[in-house]
Amino acid sequence: MEHSPFSLLRLFLEQRSELRRRLKYRLGSDDLVNDALQETYLRIERMGDSRAALSNPIGYLFRMALNVAADQRQVDARYLTGSEVEELLNVGAETLDPARIVHAQFEVHALEKALRELSSRQREILTAARLDDVPLSELALRFGISVRMVGKELRKALFHCGQRLDRKITQRFGPGAGKES
């Protein structure tokens, strides 16, 4: 049975209350149901003169509305919540302190310099392990060395960067954990 957009639109309008009931059961939110139904209506209207054979037009309309609701949820998930916006607007004065900004910029430059002083293998291991959370076992395979050697290279790189930034380095794992270097 063929259904033109016109007959789909008519069917949509005739079955709107049933679609609303089914969507409410599936989605729970009246606002989301209303938005989904409105957007579904607009999509059917925009379909123009294309004709398609639909074996289950009610199911088609219901699935279209569910897809619209899923799209809307994805869009909504990208927006900040009210509390997140408020938190951003209430940035404390200490965060914008010029002295802190200059100090942070100095530390970034010092870290960049320290990273350039490392061997390429140490630099790659440090950035992969600490920034990309790559497991040491995967790094060992990548570099063709043992996990223990990856650990040693990582410790050397951390120690070097710590010295350049004038920071005390505390070992967090392995033999000697908790001791300052």
C-alpha atoms as a PDB file:
ATOM      1  CA  MET A   1       0.000   0.000   0.000  1.00  0.00           C
ATOM      2  CA  GLU A   2       1.474   3.361  -1.031  1.00  0.00           C
ATOM      3  CA  HIS A   3       1.261   6.402   1.194  1.00  0.00           C
ATOM      4  CA  SER A   4       2.076   9.828  -0.174  1.00  0.00           C
ATOM      5  CA  PRO A   5       3.307  12.522   2.190  1.00  0.00           C
ATOM      6  CA  PHE A   6      -0.211  13.934   2.083  1.00  0.00           C
ATOM      7  CA  SER A   7      -1.754  10.658   3.215  1.00  0.00           C
ATOM      8  CA  LEU A   8       1.066  10.177   5.762  1.00  0.00           C
ATOM      9  CA  LEU A   9       0.310  13.643   7.082  1.00  0.00           C
ATOM     10  CA  ARG A  10      -3.389  12.827   7.277  1.00  0.00           C
ATOM     11  CA  LEU A  11      -2.579   9.519   8.993  1.00  0.00           C
ATOM     12  CA  PHE A  12      -0.252  11.350  11.399  1.00  0.00           C
ATOM     13  CA  LEU A  13      -3.000  13.814  12.313  1.00  0.00           C
ATOM     14  CA  GLU A  14      -5.558  11.020  12.742  1.00  0.00           C
ATOM     15  CA  GLN A  15      -3.211   8.943  14.906  1.00  0.00           C
ATOM     16  CA  ARG A  16      -1.575  11.816  16.809  1.00  0.00           C
ATOM     17  CA  SER A  17      -3.134  10.939  20.176  1.00  0.00           C
ATOM     18  CA  GLU A  18      -2.148   7.267  19.830  1.00  0.00           C
ATOM     19  CA  LEU A  19       1.390   8.258  18.799  1.00  0.00           C
ATOM     20  CA  ARG A  20       1.527  10.635  21.797  1.00  0.00           C
ATOM     21  CA  ARG A  21       0.452   7.852  24.163  1.00  0.00           C
ATOM     22  CA  ARG A  22       3.049   5.404  22.782  1.00  0.00           C
ATOM     23  CA  LEU A  23       5.802   8.010  22.814  1.00  0.00           C
ATOM     24  CA  LYS A  24       4.944   9.075  26.356  1.00  0.00           C
ATOM     25  CA  TYR A  25       5.248   5.452  27.448  1.00  0.00           C
ATOM     26  CA  ARG A  26       8.639   5.119  25.691  1.00  0.00           C
ATOM     27  CA  LEU A  27      10.140   8.533  26.442  1.00  0.00           C
ATOM     28  CA  GLY A  28       8.526   9.566  29.714  1.00  0.00           C
ATOM     29  CA  SER A  29       8.874  13.308  29.130  1.00  0.00           C
ATOM     30  CA  ASP A  30       5.891  15.348  27.905  1.00  0.00           C
ATOM     31  CA  ASP A  31       8.241  18.045  26.597  1.00  0.00           C
ATOM     32  CA  LEU A  32      10.273  15.551  24.603  1.00  0.00           C
ATOM     33  CA  VAL A  33       7.086  13.937  23.238  1.00  0.00           C
ATOM     34  CA  ASN A  34       5.691  17.324  22.151  1.00  0.00           C
ATOM     35  CA  ASP A  35       8.959  18.309  20.476  1.00  0.00           C
ATOM     36  CA  ALA A  36       9.229  14.937  18.737  1.00  0.00           C
ATOM     37  CA  LEU A  37       5.663  15.120  17.424  1.00  0.00           C
ATOM     38  CA  GLN A  38       6.113  18.664  16.180  1.00  0.00           C
ATOM     39  CA  GLU A  39       9.372  17.869  14.383  1.00  0.00           C
ATOM     40  CA  THR A  40       7.883  14.660  12.942  1.00  0.00           C
ATOM     41  CA  TYR A  41       5.004  16.692  11.524  1.00  0.00           C
ATOM     42  CA  LEU A  42       7.467  19.114   9.919  1.00  0.00           C
ATOM     43  CA  ARG A  43       9.551  16.286   8.460  1.00  0.00           C
ATOM     44  CA  ILE A  44       6.494  14.679   6.885  1.00  0.00           C
ATOM     45  CA  GLU A  45       5.477  18.034   5.465  1.00  0.00           C
ATOM     46  CA  ARG A  46       8.963  18.524   3.963  1.00  0.00           C
ATOM     47  CA  MET A  47       8.953  15.112   2.299  1.00  0.00           C
ATOM     48  CA  GLY A  48       7.324  16.695  -0.724  1.00  0.00           C
ATOM     49  CA  ASP A  49       5.922  14.509  -3.476  1.00  0.00           C
ATOM     50  CA  SER A  50       8.151  11.476  -2.948  1.00  0.00           C
ATOM     51  CA  ARG A  51       6.161   8.285  -2.751  1.00  0.00           C
ATOM     52  CA  ALA A  52       7.261   5.175  -1.001  1.00  0.00           C
ATOM     53  CA  ALA A  53       5.560   1.872  -0.380  1.00  0.00           C
ATOM     54  CA  LEU A  54       5.177   1.422   3.365  1.00  0.00           C
ATOM     55  CA  SER A  55       3.961  -1.858   4.739  1.00  0.00           C
ATOM     56  CA  ASN A  56       3.417  -0.365   8.211  1.00  0.00           C
ATOM     57  CA  PRO A  57       2.837   3.395   7.994  1.00  0.00           C
ATOM     58  CA  ILE A  58       1.918   3.757  11.692  1.00  0.00           C
ATOM     59  CA  GLY A  59       5.141   1.977  12.658  1.00  0.00           C
ATOM     60  CA  TYR A  60       7.021   4.223  10.235  1.00  0.00           C
ATOM     61  CA  LEU A  61       5.587   7.342  11.869  1.00  0.00           C
ATOM     62  CA  PHE A  62       6.322   6.011  15.354  1.00  0.00           C
ATOM     63  CA  ARG A  63       9.927   5.147  14.419  1.00  0.00           C
ATOM     64  CA  MET A  64      10.350   8.576  12.809  1.00  0.00           C
ATOM     65  CA  ALA A  65       9.163  10.247  16.029  1.00  0.00           C
ATOM     66  CA  LEU A  66      11.503   8.086  18.131  1.00  0.00           C
ATOM     67  CA  ASN A  67      14.430   9.009  15.881  1.00  0.00           C
ATOM     68  CA  VAL A  68      13.537  12.693  16.220  1.00  0.00           C
ATOM     69  CA  ALA A  69      13.462  12.304  20.026  1.00  0.00           C
ATOM     70  CA  ALA A  70      16.852  10.548  19.994  1.00  0.00           C
ATOM     71  CA  ASP A  71      18.306  13.362  17.877  1.00  0.00           C
ATOM     72  CA  GLN A  72      16.858  15.925  20.289  1.00  0.00           C
ATOM     73  CA  ARG A  73      18.392  14.151  23.288  1.00  0.00           C
ATOM     74  CA  GLN A  74      21.802  14.210  21.604  1.00  0.00           C
ATOM     75  CA  VAL A  75      21.481  17.931  20.941  1.00  0.00           C
ATOM     76  CA  ASP A  76      20.356  18.580  24.525  1.00  0.00           C
ATOM     77  CA  ALA A  77      23.287  16.582  25.893  1.00  0.00           C
ATOM     78  CA  ARG A  78      25.690  19.017  24.207  1.00  0.00           C
ATOM     79  CA  TYR A  79      24.303  22.005  26.104  1.00  0.00           C
ATOM     80  CA  LEU A  80      25.545  23.002  29.522  1.00  0.00           C
ATOM     81  CA  THR A  81      23.175  22.651  32.438  1.00  0.00           C
ATOM     82  CA  GLY A  82      22.085  25.715  34.389  1.00  0.00           C
ATOM     83  CA  SER A  83      24.447  24.896  37.248  1.00  0.00           C
ATOM     84  CA  GLU A  84      27.366  24.448  34.823  1.00  0.00           C
ATOM     85  CA  VAL A  85      26.686  27.851  33.261  1.00  0.00           C
ATOM     86  CA  GLU A  86      26.404  29.434  36.708  1.00  0.00           C
ATOM     87  CA  GLU A  87      29.691  27.851  37.753  1.00  0.00           C
ATOM     88  CA  LEU A  88      31.414  29.269  34.680  1.00  0.00           C
ATOM     89  CA  LEU A  89      29.958  32.706  35.316  1.00  0.00           C
ATOM     90  CA  ASN A  90      31.082  32.677  38.935  1.00  0.00           C
ATOM     91  CA  VAL A  91      34.755  32.254  38.172  1.00  0.00           C
ATOM     92  CA  GLY A  92      36.593  33.464  41.240  1.00  0.00           C
ATOM     93  CA  ALA A  93      38.840  36.507  41.124  1.00  0.00           C
ATOM     94  CA  GLU A  94      41.816  34.381  42.175  1.00  0.00           C
ATOM     95  CA  THR A  95      41.528  32.405  38.947  1.00  0.00           C
ATOM     96  CA  LEU A  96      42.088  35.547  36.902  1.00  0.00           C
ATOM     97  CA  ASP A  97      44.934  36.870  39.033  1.00  0.00           C
ATOM     98  CA  PRO A  98      47.634  38.195  36.643  1.00  0.00           C
ATOM     99  CA  ALA A  99      50.457  36.833  38.809  1.00  0.00           C
ATOM    100  CA  ARG A 100      48.962  33.328  38.647  1.00  0.00           C
ATOM    101  CA  ILE A 101      48.519  33.600  34.892  1.00  0.00           C
ATOM    102  CA  VAL A 102      52.158  34.633  34.397  1.00  0.00           C
ATOM    103  CA  HIS A 103      53.358  31.850  36.706  1.00  0.00           C
ATOM    104  CA  ALA A 104      51.280  29.266  34.828  1.00  0.00           C
ATOM    105  CA  GLN A 105      52.647  30.500  31.486  1.00  0.00           C
ATOM    106  CA  PHE A 106      56.183  30.247  32.873  1.00  0.00           C
ATOM    107  CA  GLU A 107      55.551  26.660  33.988  1.00  0.00           C
ATOM    108  CA  VAL A 108      54.111  25.708  30.609  1.00  0.00           C
ATOM    109  CA  HIS A 109      57.209  27.065  28.863  1.00  0.00           C
ATOM    110  CA  ALA A 110      59.489  25.299  31.341  1.00  0.00           C
ATOM    111  CA  LEU A 111      57.640  22.020  30.755  1.00  0.00           C
ATOM    112  CA  GLU A 112      57.865  22.438  26.976  1.00  0.00           C
ATOM    113  CA  LYS A 113      61.614  23.004  27.300  1.00  0.00           C
ATOM    114  CA  ALA A 114      61.995  19.974  29.594  1.00  0.00           C
ATOM    115  CA  LEU A 115      60.088  17.791  27.134  1.00  0.00           C
ATOM    116  CA  ARG A 116      62.362  18.926  24.280  1.00  0.00           C
ATOM    117  CA  GLU A 117      65.379  17.880  26.371  1.00  0.00           C
ATOM    118  CA  LEU A 118      64.113  14.286  26.668  1.00  0.00           C
ATOM    119  CA  SER A 119      64.993  11.588  24.196  1.00  0.00           C
ATOM    120  CA  SER A 120      62.260  11.075  21.632  1.00  0.00           C
ATOM    121  CA  ARG A 121      61.417   7.676  23.157  1.00  0.00           C
ATOM    122  CA  GLN A 122      61.115   9.113  26.665  1.00  0.00           C
ATOM    123  CA  ARG A 123      58.988  12.010  25.389  1.00  0.00           C
ATOM    124  CA  GLU A 124      56.679   9.652  23.475  1.00  0.00           C
ATOM    125  CA  ILE A 125      56.355   7.280  26.437  1.00  0.00           C
ATOM    126  CA  LEU A 126      55.622  10.139  28.841  1.00  0.00           C
ATOM    127  CA  THR A 127      52.990  11.769  26.658  1.00  0.00           C
ATOM    128  CA  ALA A 128      51.358   8.461  25.707  1.00  0.00           C
ATOM    129  CA  ALA A 129      51.270   7.164  29.290  1.00  0.00           C
ATOM    130  CA  ARG A 130      50.235  10.378  31.036  1.00  0.00           C
ATOM    131  CA  LEU A 131      48.198  12.285  28.460  1.00  0.00           C
ATOM    132  CA  ASP A 132      46.660   9.484  26.399  1.00  0.00           C
ATOM    133  CA  ASP A 133      46.424   6.874  29.216  1.00  0.00           C
ATOM    134  CA  VAL A 134      48.097   4.222  27.067  1.00  0.00           C
ATOM    135  CA  PRO A 135      48.891   1.156  29.216  1.00  0.00           C
ATOM    136  CA  LEU A 136      52.572   0.403  29.781  1.00  0.00           C
ATOM    137  CA  SER A 137      52.135  -3.051  28.238  1.00  0.00           C
ATOM    138  CA  GLU A 138      50.928  -1.464  25.000  1.00  0.00           C
ATOM    139  CA  LEU A 139      53.857   0.965  25.032  1.00  0.00           C
ATOM    140  CA  ALA A 140      56.241  -1.950  25.507  1.00  0.00           C
ATOM    141  CA  LEU A 141      54.864  -3.578  22.367  1.00  0.00           C
ATOM    142  CA  ARG A 142      54.955  -0.287  20.470  1.00  0.00           C
ATOM    143  CA  PHE A 143      58.625   0.340  21.277  1.00  0.00           C
ATOM    144  CA  GLY A 144      59.759  -3.284  21.296  1.00  0.00           C
ATOM    145  CA  ILE A 145      60.991  -3.131  24.882  1.00  0.00           C
ATOM    146  CA  SER A 146      59.937  -4.719  28.169  1.00  0.00           C
ATOM    147  CA  VAL A 147      57.246  -3.263  30.407  1.00  0.00           C
ATOM    148  CA  ARG A 148      59.925  -2.786  33.047  1.00  0.00           C
ATOM    149  CA  MET A 149      62.013  -0.712  30.603  1.00  0.00           C
ATOM    150  CA  VAL A 150      58.962   1.399  29.758  1.00  0.00           C
ATOM    151  CA  GLY A 151      58.523   2.023  33.468  1.00  0.00           C
ATOM    152  CA  LYS A 152      62.169   3.061  33.824  1.00  0.00           C
ATOM    153  CA  GLU A 153      61.943   5.428  30.852  1.00  0.00           C
ATOM    154  CA  LEU A 154      58.758   6.913  32.247  1.00  0.00           C
ATOM    155  CA  ARG A 155      60.334   7.454  35.681  1.00  0.00           C
ATOM    156  CA  LYS A 156      63.391   9.103  34.099  1.00  0.00           C
ATOM    157  CA  ALA A 157      61.189  11.412  32.046  1.00  0.00           C
ATOM    158  CA  LEU A 158      59.042  12.346  35.054  1.00  0.00           C
ATOM    159  CA  PHE A 159      62.097  12.939  37.224  1.00  0.00           C
ATOM    160  CA  HIS A 160      63.691  15.149  34.549  1.00  0.00           C
ATOM    161  CA  CYS A 161      60.523  17.230  34.121  1.00  0.00           C
ATOM    162  CA  GLY A 162      60.112  17.472  37.889  1.00  0.00           C
ATOM    163  CA  GLN A 163      63.652  18.805  38.263  1.00  0.00           C
ATOM    164  CA  ARG A 164      63.141  21.384  35.508  1.00  0.00           C
ATOM    165  CA  LEU A 165      59.915  22.561  37.146  1.00  0.00           C
ATOM    166  CA  ASP A 166      61.521  22.486  40.613  1.00  0.00           C
ATOM    167  CA  ARG A 167      59.002  19.947  41.874  1.00  0.00           C
ATOM    168  CA  LYS A 168      59.465  17.023  44.218  1.00  0.00           C
ATOM    169  CA  ILE A 169      58.527  13.776  42.534  1.00  0.00           C
ATOM    170  CA  THR A 170      56.840  11.101  44.646  1.00  0.00           C
ATOM    171  CA  GLN A 171      56.757   7.586  43.294  1.00  0.00           C
ATOM    172  CA  ARG A 172      53.162   6.374  43.367  1.00  0.00           C
ATOM    173  CA  PHE A 173      53.700   2.705  42.541  1.00  0.00           C
ATOM    174  CA  GLY A 174      56.252  -0.089  42.602  1.00  0.00           C
ATOM    175  CA  PRO A 175      59.134  -0.616  45.038  1.00  0.00           C
ATOM    176  CA  GLY A 176      59.762   2.556  47.003  1.00  0.00           C
ATOM    177  CA  ALA A 177      56.249   3.916  46.451  1.00  0.00           C
ATOM    178  CA  GLY A 178      55.508   7.018  48.492  1.00  0.00           C
ATOM    179  CA  LYS A 179      59.144   8.090  48.776  1.00  0.00           C
ATOM    180  CA  GLU A 180      60.276  11.416  47.398  1.00  0.00           C
ATOM    181  CA  SER A 181      62.944  11.399  44.715  1.00  0.00           C
END
